[in-house]
C-alpha atoms as a PDB file:
ATOM      1  CA  UNK A   1      -2.976 107.543 157.401  1.00  0.00           C
ATOM      2  CA  UNK A   2      -2.474 107.282 153.755  1.00  0.00           C
ATOM      3  CA  UNK A   3      -0.238 109.211 151.499  1.00  0.00           C
ATOM      4  CA  UNK A   4      -2.167 111.466 148.622  1.00  0.00           C
ATOM      5  CA  UNK A   5      -1.088 113.298 145.698  1.00  0.00           C
ATOM      6  CA  UNK A   6      -3.174 116.019 143.946  1.00  0.00           C
ATOM      7  CA  UNK A   7      -4.343 115.124 140.424  1.00  0.00           C
ATOM      8  CA  UNK A   8      -2.045 118.188 139.278  1.00  0.00           C
ATOM      9  CA  UNK A   9       0.865 116.262 140.618  1.00  0.00           C
ATOM     10  CA  UNK A  10       2.083 119.573 142.571  1.00  0.00           C
ATOM     11  CA  UNK A  11       1.428 118.515 146.200  1.00  0.00           C
ATOM     12  CA  UNK A  12       2.022 115.560 148.652  1.00  0.00           C
ATOM     13  CA  UNK A  13       0.318 114.951 151.843  1.00  0.00           C
ATOM     14  CA  UNK A  14      -0.807 112.586 154.504  1.00  0.00           C
ATOM     15  CA  UNK A  15      -4.444 112.220 155.573  1.00  0.00           C
ATOM     16  CA  UNK A  16      -6.892 109.775 157.497  1.00  0.00           C
ATOM     17  CA  UNK A  17      -8.047 106.872 155.762  1.00  0.00           C
ATOM     18  CA  UNK A  18     -11.685 108.206 155.582  1.00  0.00           C
ATOM     19  CA  UNK A  19     -10.417 111.554 153.801  1.00  0.00           C
ATOM     20  CA  UNK A  20      -8.188 109.732 151.620  1.00  0.00           C
ATOM     21  CA  UNK A  21     -11.164 107.551 150.189  1.00  0.00           C
ATOM     22  CA  UNK A  22     -13.381 110.513 149.939  1.00  0.00           C
ATOM     23  CA  UNK A  23     -10.689 112.453 147.904  1.00  0.00           C
ATOM     24  CA  UNK A  24      -9.844 109.526 145.800  1.00  0.00           C
ATOM     25  CA  UNK A  25     -13.493 108.953 144.668  1.00  0.00           C
ATOM     26  CA  UNK A  26     -14.232 112.510 144.247  1.00  0.00           C
ATOM     27  CA  UNK A  27     -11.204 112.502 141.715  1.00  0.00           C
ATOM     28  CA  UNK A  28      -9.421 115.117 143.794  1.00  0.00           C
ATOM     29  CA  UNK A  29      -6.221 113.017 144.290  1.00  0.00           C
ATOM     30  CA  UNK A  30      -4.463 109.698 143.769  1.00  0.00           C
ATOM     31  CA  UNK A  31      -2.963 107.352 146.077  1.00  0.00           C
ATOM     32  CA  UNK A  32       0.974 107.559 146.315  1.00  0.00           C
ATOM     33  CA  UNK A  33       3.634 105.542 148.047  1.00  0.00           C
ATOM     34  CA  UNK A  34       4.853 106.692 151.492  1.00  0.00           C
ATOM     35  CA  UNK A  35       8.457 106.939 150.092  1.00  0.00           C
ATOM     36  CA  UNK A  36       7.369 109.639 148.248  1.00  0.00           C
ATOM     37  CA  UNK A  37       5.961 111.876 150.680  1.00  0.00           C
ATOM     38  CA  UNK A  38       9.472 110.911 152.954  1.00  0.00           C
ATOM     39  CA  UNK A  39      11.595 112.186 150.090  1.00  0.00           C
ATOM     40  CA  UNK A  40       9.621 115.100 148.654  1.00  0.00           C
ATOM     41  CA  UNK A  41       8.116 116.494 151.973  1.00  0.00           C
ATOM     42  CA  UNK A  42       9.372 115.144 155.529  1.00  0.00           C
ATOM     43  CA  UNK A  43      12.972 115.011 155.000  1.00  0.00           C
ATOM     44  CA  UNK A  44      13.043 118.338 152.688  1.00  0.00           C
ATOM     45  CA  UNK A  45      14.194 120.848 155.454  1.00  0.00           C
ATOM     46  CA  UNK A  46      16.366 118.556 157.666  1.00  0.00           C
ATOM     47  CA  UNK A  47      20.074 118.894 157.408  1.00  0.00           C
ATOM     48  CA  UNK A  48      22.126 116.513 155.717  1.00  0.00           C
ATOM     49  CA  UNK A  49      24.612 114.470 158.579  1.00  0.00           C
ATOM     50  CA  UNK A  50      27.863 114.522 157.724  1.00  0.00           C
ATOM     51  CA  UNK A  51      29.283 111.430 159.199  1.00  0.00           C
ATOM     52  CA  UNK A  52      32.910 110.830 158.965  1.00  0.00           C
ATOM     53  CA  UNK A  53      33.992 107.184 158.110  1.00  0.00           C
ATOM     54  CA  UNK A  54      35.939 105.516 160.520  1.00  0.00           C
ATOM     55  CA  UNK A  55      39.015 104.033 159.368  1.00  0.00           C
ATOM     56  CA  UNK A  56      39.103 100.332 160.302  1.00  0.00           C
ATOM     57  CA  UNK A  57      42.297  98.527 161.279  1.00  0.00           C
ATOM     58  CA  UNK A  58      42.110  94.652 161.360  1.00  0.00           C
ATOM     59  CA  UNK A  59      44.577  93.810 164.102  1.00  0.00           C
ATOM     60  CA  UNK A  60      45.623  90.394 163.849  1.00  0.00           C
ATOM     61  CA  UNK A  61      44.588  87.728 166.586  1.00  0.00           C
ATOM     62  CA  UNK A  62      46.694  85.864 168.861  1.00  0.00           C
ATOM     63  CA  UNK A  63      46.652  82.766 166.536  1.00  0.00           C
ATOM     64  CA  UNK A  64      47.799  85.264 163.590  1.00  0.00           C
ATOM     65  CA  UNK A  65      50.465  86.461 165.831  1.00  0.00           C
ATOM     66  CA  UNK A  66      51.849  82.773 166.870  1.00  0.00           C
ATOM     67  CA  UNK A  67      51.940  81.885 163.183  1.00  0.00           C
ATOM     68  CA  UNK A  68      54.012  85.069 162.499  1.00  0.00           C
ATOM     69  CA  UNK A  69      56.559  83.997 165.154  1.00  0.00           C
ATOM     70  CA  UNK A  70      56.789  80.676 163.965  1.00  0.00           C
ATOM     71  CA  UNK A  71      57.489  81.412 160.250  1.00  0.00           C
ATOM     72  CA  UNK A  72      60.352  83.620 161.242  1.00  0.00           C
END
């Protein structure tokens, strides 16, 4: 599979290797990176996931607790 962009730049699509070669040689489309297709076509209609960040608490280890007790 190859990612192609039409020569006018309006359309990005995925196609087979043979069809991509044919389109390129005819001048109908140019090769494009897959990341462009992912951003503009594949992920366009996906809802944005809202993930809440968990607050990380750093609990003291046993050695740190021991050290705190010795300093008091």
